[in-house]
């Protein structure tokens, strides 16, 4: 029982850190957020991919991919957490949607930022993919363990 409580605490902390990261980035004024995006775009396109100037206009797409990824993590974390609590996994989707709505609401009050329902949909889609990847991965591991047990018993 104690081991399960440790896992529950661990995933609760991971969820909290993920949400704080998401909302912390939303609290950045548009000028700061844009500068961060341009820097990351430069690193990805110019440094890593070796395409000087290739990331000049790509920071908008990079921002959407970053949102999608943050919420994919959140979806996976929430799904794992709810699995440990023996709660319906569909609550993970509702939780991620709620976090996305709060995220966009925060941006309404930050200089040079604004809410977008399209971003809520991108964020929620990321959560769905995170949930799906976790569940598919779990099913794969479970199947491999079953196969290993069957081979061992033969």
N, C-alpha and C. Protein backbone atom coordinates (compact mmCIF):
# COMPACT_ATOMS: atom_id res chain seq x y z
N UNK A 1 0.82 -1.20 0.00
CA UNK A 1 0.00 0.00 0.00
C UNK A 1 0.86 1.26 0.00
N UNK A 2 1.92 1.24 0.80
CA UNK A 2 2.81 2.40 0.88
C UNK A 2 3.45 2.71 -0.47
N UNK A 3 3.81 1.67 -1.23
CA UNK A 3 4.42 1.85 -2.54
C UNK A 3 3.46 2.57 -3.49
N UNK A 4 2.19 2.21 -3.45
CA UNK A 4 1.20 2.85 -4.30
C UNK A 4 1.03 4.32 -3.92
N UNK A 5 1.07 4.63 -2.62
CA UNK A 5 0.96 6.02 -2.16
C UNK A 5 2.13 6.86 -2.68
N UNK A 6 3.31 6.26 -2.71
CA UNK A 6 4.49 6.98 -3.23
C UNK A 6 4.31 7.27 -4.72
N UNK A 7 3.77 6.31 -5.46
CA UNK A 7 3.53 6.51 -6.89
C UNK A 7 2.49 7.61 -7.10
N UNK A 8 1.44 7.58 -6.30
CA UNK A 8 0.39 8.60 -6.41
C UNK A 8 0.97 9.98 -6.15
N UNK A 9 1.77 10.11 -5.09
CA UNK A 9 2.41 11.40 -4.78
C UNK A 9 3.32 11.84 -5.91
N UNK A 10 4.11 10.90 -6.44
CA UNK A 10 5.04 11.22 -7.52
C UNK A 10 4.29 11.79 -8.72
N UNK A 11 3.22 11.11 -9.16
CA UNK A 11 2.48 11.57 -10.33
C UNK A 11 1.72 12.86 -10.05
N UNK A 12 1.27 13.06 -8.82
CA UNK A 12 0.62 14.33 -8.46
C UNK A 12 1.62 15.48 -8.58
N UNK A 13 2.84 15.25 -8.14
CA UNK A 13 3.89 16.27 -8.25
C UNK A 13 4.24 16.54 -9.71
N UNK A 14 4.31 15.48 -10.50
CA UNK A 14 4.60 15.65 -11.93
C UNK A 14 3.51 16.47 -12.62
N UNK A 15 2.27 16.20 -12.28
CA UNK A 15 1.14 16.95 -12.85
C UNK A 15 1.23 18.41 -12.44
N UNK A 16 1.48 18.65 -11.16
CA UNK A 16 1.59 20.02 -10.66
C UNK A 16 2.73 20.77 -11.36
N UNK A 17 3.89 20.14 -11.47
CA UNK A 17 5.03 20.78 -12.15
C UNK A 17 4.70 21.07 -13.61
N UNK A 18 4.03 20.14 -14.28
CA UNK A 18 3.64 20.32 -15.68
C UNK A 18 2.70 21.52 -15.82
N UNK A 19 1.70 21.59 -14.94
CA UNK A 19 0.74 22.70 -15.00
C UNK A 19 1.43 24.02 -14.68
N UNK A 20 2.30 24.04 -13.69
CA UNK A 20 3.02 25.27 -13.36
C UNK A 20 3.90 25.73 -14.53
N UNK A 21 4.51 24.78 -15.22
CA UNK A 21 5.32 25.11 -16.39
C UNK A 21 4.44 25.73 -17.49
N UNK A 22 3.31 25.10 -17.75
CA UNK A 22 2.39 25.61 -18.78
C UNK A 22 1.90 27.01 -18.42
N UNK A 23 1.39 27.16 -17.23
CA UNK A 23 0.85 28.46 -16.83
C UNK A 23 1.95 29.50 -16.64
N UNK A 24 3.12 29.07 -16.20
CA UNK A 24 4.24 30.00 -16.07
C UNK A 24 4.61 30.61 -17.41
N UNK A 25 4.61 29.80 -18.46
CA UNK A 25 4.91 30.33 -19.79
C UNK A 25 3.80 31.26 -20.27
N UNK A 26 2.58 31.01 -19.87
CA UNK A 26 1.47 31.87 -20.28
C UNK A 26 1.51 33.23 -19.58
N UNK A 27 2.18 33.30 -18.46
CA UNK A 27 2.30 34.57 -17.73
C UNK A 27 3.37 35.48 -18.32
N UNK A 28 4.18 34.96 -19.24
CA UNK A 28 5.21 35.79 -19.87
C UNK A 28 4.56 36.77 -20.84
N UNK A 29 4.95 38.04 -20.77
CA UNK A 29 4.40 39.00 -21.74
C UNK A 29 4.73 38.56 -23.17
N UNK A 30 3.94 39.02 -24.12
CA UNK A 30 4.12 38.62 -25.51
C UNK A 30 5.51 38.86 -26.04
N UNK A 31 6.13 39.98 -25.65
CA UNK A 31 7.48 40.29 -26.16
C UNK A 31 8.50 39.27 -25.63
N UNK A 32 8.37 38.89 -24.37
CA UNK A 32 9.30 37.91 -23.78
C UNK A 32 9.05 36.53 -24.37
N UNK A 33 7.79 36.17 -24.45
CA UNK A 33 7.42 34.87 -25.01
C UNK A 33 7.89 34.74 -26.46
N UNK A 34 7.72 35.80 -27.22
CA UNK A 34 8.17 35.81 -28.61
C UNK A 34 9.68 35.68 -28.72
N UNK A 35 10.40 36.35 -27.82
CA UNK A 35 11.87 36.25 -27.84
C UNK A 35 12.32 34.84 -27.50
N UNK A 36 11.66 34.22 -26.55
CA UNK A 36 12.00 32.84 -26.19
C UNK A 36 11.74 31.93 -27.38
N UNK A 37 10.60 32.09 -28.03
CA UNK A 37 10.26 31.27 -29.20
C UNK A 37 11.27 31.45 -30.32
N UNK A 38 11.67 32.69 -30.57
CA UNK A 38 12.66 32.95 -31.63
C UNK A 38 14.00 32.31 -31.29
N UNK A 39 14.39 32.36 -30.01
CA UNK A 39 15.65 31.74 -29.61
C UNK A 39 15.58 30.22 -29.80
N UNK A 40 14.50 29.60 -29.35
CA UNK A 40 14.36 28.15 -29.51
C UNK A 40 14.31 27.79 -30.99
N UNK A 41 13.62 28.61 -31.78
CA UNK A 41 13.56 28.38 -33.22
C UNK A 41 14.96 28.44 -33.82
N UNK A 42 15.75 29.41 -33.41
CA UNK A 42 17.13 29.53 -33.89
C UNK A 42 17.93 28.27 -33.52
N UNK A 43 17.81 27.83 -32.28
CA UNK A 43 18.55 26.64 -31.84
C UNK A 43 18.12 25.42 -32.66
N UNK A 44 16.81 25.23 -32.82
CA UNK A 44 16.32 24.05 -33.54
C UNK A 44 16.73 24.08 -35.01
N UNK A 45 16.44 25.18 -35.69
CA UNK A 45 16.67 25.22 -37.14
C UNK A 45 18.12 25.50 -37.50
N UNK A 46 18.72 26.50 -36.88
CA UNK A 46 20.08 26.89 -37.27
C UNK A 46 21.15 25.99 -36.68
N UNK A 47 21.04 25.70 -35.40
CA UNK A 47 22.09 24.94 -34.72
C UNK A 47 21.91 23.44 -34.92
N UNK A 48 20.75 22.91 -34.56
CA UNK A 48 20.55 21.46 -34.61
C UNK A 48 20.39 20.97 -36.05
N UNK A 49 19.53 21.61 -36.82
CA UNK A 49 19.27 21.15 -38.18
C UNK A 49 20.26 21.71 -39.20
N UNK A 50 21.04 22.69 -38.79
CA UNK A 50 22.06 23.27 -39.67
C UNK A 50 21.49 24.01 -40.87
N UNK A 51 20.33 24.63 -40.67
CA UNK A 51 19.72 25.41 -41.74
C UNK A 51 19.69 26.88 -41.34
N UNK A 52 20.81 27.59 -41.53
CA UNK A 52 20.85 29.01 -41.13
C UNK A 52 19.71 29.80 -41.74
N UNK A 53 19.01 30.50 -40.88
CA UNK A 53 17.88 31.30 -41.31
C UNK A 53 16.63 30.50 -41.56
N UNK A 54 16.72 29.18 -41.45
CA UNK A 54 15.58 28.30 -41.73
C UNK A 54 14.47 28.42 -40.71
N UNK A 55 14.81 28.94 -39.53
CA UNK A 55 13.79 29.04 -38.50
C UNK A 55 13.21 30.42 -38.38
N UNK A 56 13.54 31.31 -39.32
CA UNK A 56 13.09 32.68 -39.22
C UNK A 56 11.59 32.83 -39.03
N UNK A 57 10.81 32.10 -39.78
CA UNK A 57 9.37 32.22 -39.66
C UNK A 57 8.72 31.03 -39.00
N UNK A 58 9.52 30.09 -38.55
CA UNK A 58 8.98 28.86 -38.01
C UNK A 58 8.64 28.88 -36.54
N UNK A 59 8.84 30.03 -35.89
CA UNK A 59 8.59 30.02 -34.44
C UNK A 59 7.11 29.91 -34.10
N UNK A 60 6.21 30.30 -35.00
CA UNK A 60 4.78 30.14 -34.74
C UNK A 60 4.40 28.67 -34.68
N UNK A 61 4.89 27.92 -35.64
CA UNK A 61 4.65 26.47 -35.66
C UNK A 61 5.31 25.82 -34.45
N UNK A 62 6.50 26.27 -34.14
CA UNK A 62 7.23 25.73 -32.99
C UNK A 62 6.44 25.94 -31.70
N UNK A 63 5.79 27.08 -31.57
CA UNK A 63 4.98 27.37 -30.38
C UNK A 63 3.82 26.39 -30.27
N UNK A 64 3.18 26.10 -31.40
CA UNK A 64 2.05 25.16 -31.40
C UNK A 64 2.53 23.75 -31.04
N UNK A 65 3.67 23.36 -31.60
CA UNK A 65 4.24 22.04 -31.29
C UNK A 65 4.60 21.97 -29.80
N UNK A 66 5.12 23.06 -29.25
CA UNK A 66 5.48 23.09 -27.83
C UNK A 66 4.22 22.93 -26.96
N UNK A 67 3.16 23.64 -27.31
CA UNK A 67 1.89 23.51 -26.57
C UNK A 67 1.38 22.07 -26.65
N UNK A 68 1.39 21.53 -27.86
CA UNK A 68 0.92 20.17 -28.09
C UNK A 68 1.72 19.19 -27.22
N UNK A 69 3.03 19.37 -27.16
CA UNK A 69 3.91 18.48 -26.40
C UNK A 69 3.69 18.63 -24.89
N UNK A 70 3.57 19.86 -24.42
CA UNK A 70 3.30 20.08 -22.99
C UNK A 70 2.02 19.36 -22.56
N UNK A 71 1.01 19.45 -23.40
CA UNK A 71 -0.27 18.83 -23.06
C UNK A 71 -0.28 17.33 -23.30
N UNK A 72 0.56 16.85 -24.21
CA UNK A 72 0.71 15.39 -24.37
C UNK A 72 1.27 14.81 -23.07
N UNK A 73 2.26 15.49 -22.51
CA UNK A 73 2.81 15.06 -21.21
C UNK A 73 1.73 15.11 -20.14
N UNK A 74 0.98 16.20 -20.10
CA UNK A 74 -0.07 16.34 -19.09
C UNK A 74 -1.11 15.23 -19.24
N UNK A 75 -1.52 14.93 -20.46
CA UNK A 75 -2.48 13.86 -20.69
C UNK A 75 -1.98 12.52 -20.19
N UNK A 76 -0.70 12.22 -20.47
CA UNK A 76 -0.11 10.96 -20.01
C UNK A 76 -0.02 10.94 -18.49
N UNK A 77 0.43 12.04 -17.90
CA UNK A 77 0.57 12.10 -16.43
C UNK A 77 -0.78 11.92 -15.74
N UNK A 78 -1.80 12.63 -16.25
CA UNK A 78 -3.13 12.53 -15.65
C UNK A 78 -3.70 11.12 -15.79
N UNK A 79 -3.48 10.51 -16.94
CA UNK A 79 -3.98 9.15 -17.17
C UNK A 79 -3.34 8.17 -16.19
N UNK A 80 -2.03 8.27 -16.03
CA UNK A 80 -1.34 7.38 -15.10
C UNK A 80 -1.83 7.60 -13.66
N UNK A 81 -1.96 8.86 -13.28
CA UNK A 81 -2.42 9.22 -11.94
C UNK A 81 -3.82 8.65 -11.67
N UNK A 82 -4.72 8.83 -12.61
CA UNK A 82 -6.09 8.34 -12.44
C UNK A 82 -6.14 6.81 -12.43
N UNK A 83 -5.25 6.17 -13.20
CA UNK A 83 -5.17 4.71 -13.19
C UNK A 83 -4.80 4.23 -11.78
N UNK A 84 -3.85 4.90 -11.15
CA UNK A 84 -3.43 4.52 -9.79
C UNK A 84 -4.56 4.73 -8.78
N UNK A 85 -5.37 5.74 -9.03
CA UNK A 85 -6.49 6.02 -8.13
C UNK A 85 -7.73 5.19 -8.46
N UNK A 86 -7.64 4.40 -9.54
CA UNK A 86 -8.76 3.58 -10.01
C UNK A 86 -9.98 4.44 -10.36
N UNK A 87 -9.70 5.54 -11.02
CA UNK A 87 -10.75 6.46 -11.48
C UNK A 87 -10.85 6.37 -13.00
N UNK A 88 -11.98 6.78 -13.56
CA UNK A 88 -12.14 6.74 -15.02
C UNK A 88 -11.09 7.60 -15.73
N UNK A 89 -10.46 7.01 -16.73
CA UNK A 89 -9.39 7.72 -17.44
C UNK A 89 -9.92 8.89 -18.26
N UNK A 90 -11.20 8.88 -18.55
CA UNK A 90 -11.79 9.98 -19.30
C UNK A 90 -11.68 11.30 -18.51
N UNK A 91 -11.55 11.19 -17.20
CA UNK A 91 -11.35 12.40 -16.38
C UNK A 91 -10.05 13.11 -16.75
N UNK A 92 -9.08 12.37 -17.27
CA UNK A 92 -7.81 12.98 -17.69
C UNK A 92 -8.07 13.97 -18.83
N UNK A 93 -8.93 13.60 -19.74
CA UNK A 93 -9.27 14.48 -20.85
C UNK A 93 -9.97 15.74 -20.34
N UNK A 94 -10.90 15.55 -19.42
CA UNK A 94 -11.60 16.70 -18.84
C UNK A 94 -10.63 17.61 -18.09
N UNK A 95 -9.71 17.01 -17.34
CA UNK A 95 -8.72 17.80 -16.61
C UNK A 95 -7.81 18.58 -17.54
N UNK A 96 -7.35 17.95 -18.60
CA UNK A 96 -6.48 18.63 -19.56
C UNK A 96 -7.23 19.77 -20.26
N UNK A 97 -8.49 19.54 -20.61
CA UNK A 97 -9.29 20.58 -21.23
C UNK A 97 -9.45 21.77 -20.29
N UNK A 98 -9.68 21.48 -19.02
CA UNK A 98 -9.82 22.54 -18.01
C UNK A 98 -8.52 23.34 -17.87
N UNK A 99 -7.39 22.65 -17.83
CA UNK A 99 -6.09 23.33 -17.74
C UNK A 99 -5.87 24.20 -18.98
N UNK A 100 -6.25 23.68 -20.15
CA UNK A 100 -6.09 24.45 -21.39
C UNK A 100 -6.97 25.71 -21.37
N UNK A 101 -8.19 25.59 -20.88
CA UNK A 101 -9.09 26.75 -20.78
C UNK A 101 -8.52 27.79 -19.81
N UNK A 102 -8.01 27.33 -18.69
CA UNK A 102 -7.38 28.25 -17.72
C UNK A 102 -6.15 28.91 -18.33
N UNK A 103 -5.39 28.15 -19.08
CA UNK A 103 -4.19 28.66 -19.74
C UNK A 103 -4.54 29.82 -20.67
N UNK A 104 -5.56 29.63 -21.47
CA UNK A 104 -5.96 30.69 -22.40
C UNK A 104 -6.58 31.88 -21.66
N UNK A 105 -7.26 31.62 -20.56
CA UNK A 105 -7.83 32.70 -19.75
C UNK A 105 -6.70 33.55 -19.14
N UNK A 106 -5.65 32.89 -18.67
CA UNK A 106 -4.48 33.62 -18.14
C UNK A 106 -3.95 34.58 -19.20
N UNK A 107 -3.83 34.09 -20.43
CA UNK A 107 -3.24 34.90 -21.51
C UNK A 107 -4.07 36.14 -21.83
N UNK A 108 -5.34 36.09 -21.49
CA UNK A 108 -6.22 37.25 -21.74
C UNK A 108 -5.77 38.46 -20.93
N UNK A 109 -5.14 38.21 -19.79
CA UNK A 109 -4.76 39.30 -18.89
C UNK A 109 -3.27 39.64 -18.94
N UNK A 110 -2.54 39.06 -19.88
CA UNK A 110 -1.10 39.29 -20.00
C UNK A 110 -0.87 40.22 -21.20
N UNK A 111 0.00 41.24 -21.01
CA UNK A 111 0.26 42.17 -22.12
C UNK A 111 0.74 41.46 -23.38
N UNK A 112 0.19 41.89 -24.50
CA UNK A 112 0.55 41.38 -25.83
C UNK A 112 0.25 39.89 -26.02
N UNK A 113 -0.67 39.37 -25.24
CA UNK A 113 -1.10 37.97 -25.41
C UNK A 113 -2.61 37.97 -25.53
N UNK A 114 -3.14 36.88 -26.00
CA UNK A 114 -4.58 36.79 -26.13
C UNK A 114 -5.04 35.34 -26.15
N UNK A 115 -6.28 35.11 -25.73
CA UNK A 115 -6.81 33.75 -25.72
C UNK A 115 -7.20 33.29 -27.13
N UNK A 116 -7.16 32.00 -27.32
CA UNK A 116 -7.55 31.43 -28.60
C UNK A 116 -8.17 30.06 -28.37
N UNK A 117 -9.41 29.89 -28.85
CA UNK A 117 -10.05 28.58 -28.70
C UNK A 117 -9.32 27.54 -29.54
N UNK A 118 -8.71 27.98 -30.64
CA UNK A 118 -7.92 27.07 -31.47
C UNK A 118 -6.78 26.46 -30.64
N UNK A 119 -6.17 27.27 -29.78
CA UNK A 119 -5.10 26.76 -28.91
C UNK A 119 -5.64 25.76 -27.90
N UNK A 120 -6.84 25.99 -27.40
CA UNK A 120 -7.46 25.02 -26.48
C UNK A 120 -7.62 23.68 -27.20
N UNK A 121 -8.04 23.72 -28.45
CA UNK A 121 -8.20 22.49 -29.23
C UNK A 121 -6.86 21.80 -29.49
N UNK A 122 -5.83 22.59 -29.79
CA UNK A 122 -4.48 22.03 -29.99
C UNK A 122 -3.99 21.38 -28.70
N UNK A 123 -4.18 22.09 -27.59
CA UNK A 123 -3.74 21.57 -26.29
C UNK A 123 -4.48 20.27 -25.94
N UNK A 124 -5.78 20.27 -26.13
CA UNK A 124 -6.57 19.09 -25.82
C UNK A 124 -6.20 17.93 -26.73
N UNK A 125 -5.93 18.22 -27.99
CA UNK A 125 -5.47 17.17 -28.91
C UNK A 125 -4.15 16.58 -28.44
N UNK A 126 -3.27 17.44 -27.95
CA UNK A 126 -2.00 16.94 -27.40
C UNK A 126 -2.25 16.01 -26.23
N UNK A 127 -3.19 16.37 -25.37
CA UNK A 127 -3.52 15.52 -24.22
C UNK A 127 -4.05 14.17 -24.68
N UNK A 128 -4.90 14.18 -25.70
CA UNK A 128 -5.45 12.92 -26.22
C UNK A 128 -4.32 12.03 -26.75
N UNK A 129 -3.38 12.62 -27.47
CA UNK A 129 -2.25 11.84 -27.99
C UNK A 129 -1.40 11.30 -26.84
N UNK A 130 -1.15 12.11 -25.83
CA UNK A 130 -0.39 11.64 -24.66
C UNK A 130 -1.08 10.50 -23.96
N UNK A 131 -2.40 10.62 -23.79
CA UNK A 131 -3.18 9.56 -23.16
C UNK A 131 -3.10 8.28 -24.01
N UNK A 132 -3.27 8.44 -25.30
CA UNK A 132 -3.26 7.29 -26.21
C UNK A 132 -1.91 6.60 -26.22
N UNK A 133 -0.84 7.37 -26.30
CA UNK A 133 0.50 6.77 -26.30
C UNK A 133 0.76 6.00 -25.01
N UNK A 134 0.33 6.56 -23.89
CA UNK A 134 0.52 5.87 -22.61
C UNK A 134 -0.27 4.56 -22.60
N UNK A 135 -1.51 4.60 -23.02
CA UNK A 135 -2.35 3.40 -22.99
C UNK A 135 -1.86 2.34 -23.98
N UNK A 136 -1.43 2.76 -25.16
CA UNK A 136 -0.89 1.81 -26.13
C UNK A 136 0.42 1.21 -25.60
N UNK A 137 1.25 2.05 -25.02
CA UNK A 137 2.50 1.55 -24.44
C UNK A 137 2.25 0.57 -23.30
N UNK A 138 1.28 0.88 -22.48
CA UNK A 138 0.92 -0.01 -21.37
C UNK A 138 0.42 -1.35 -21.89
N UNK A 139 -0.44 -1.31 -22.91
CA UNK A 139 -0.97 -2.55 -23.50
C UNK A 139 0.15 -3.37 -24.13
N UNK A 140 1.10 -2.71 -24.76
CA UNK A 140 2.23 -3.40 -25.39
C UNK A 140 3.08 -4.11 -24.33
N UNK A 141 3.41 -3.39 -23.26
CA UNK A 141 4.22 -3.98 -22.18
C UNK A 141 3.48 -5.15 -21.55
N UNK A 142 2.20 -4.99 -21.32
CA UNK A 142 1.39 -6.05 -20.73
C UNK A 142 1.39 -7.29 -21.62
N UNK A 143 1.24 -7.08 -22.93
CA UNK A 143 1.24 -8.20 -23.87
C UNK A 143 2.60 -8.90 -23.90
N UNK A 144 3.68 -8.12 -23.88
CA UNK A 144 5.04 -8.70 -23.89
C UNK A 144 5.29 -9.52 -22.62
N UNK A 145 4.82 -9.03 -21.49
CA UNK A 145 4.97 -9.79 -20.24
C UNK A 145 4.20 -11.10 -20.31
N UNK A 146 3.00 -11.05 -20.87
CA UNK A 146 2.19 -12.26 -20.99
C UNK A 146 2.88 -13.27 -21.90
N UNK A 147 3.43 -12.79 -23.01
CA UNK A 147 4.15 -13.67 -23.93
C UNK A 147 5.36 -14.30 -23.25
N UNK A 148 6.09 -13.50 -22.48
CA UNK A 148 7.27 -14.01 -21.78
C UNK A 148 6.88 -15.07 -20.77
N UNK A 149 5.77 -14.89 -20.07
CA UNK A 149 5.30 -15.88 -19.10
C UNK A 149 4.90 -17.17 -19.81
N UNK A 150 4.23 -17.03 -20.96
CA UNK A 150 3.82 -18.23 -21.70
C UNK A 150 5.04 -19.00 -22.20
N UNK A 151 6.06 -18.29 -22.68
CA UNK A 151 7.28 -18.94 -23.15
C UNK A 151 8.01 -19.62 -22.00
N UNK A 152 7.99 -19.00 -20.85
CA UNK A 152 8.64 -19.55 -19.67
C UNK A 152 7.96 -20.84 -19.21
N UNK A 153 6.64 -20.88 -19.33
CA UNK A 153 5.87 -22.05 -18.88
C UNK A 153 5.90 -23.20 -19.89
N UNK A 154 6.39 -22.98 -21.07
CA UNK A 154 6.44 -24.06 -22.07
C UNK A 154 7.66 -24.92 -21.94
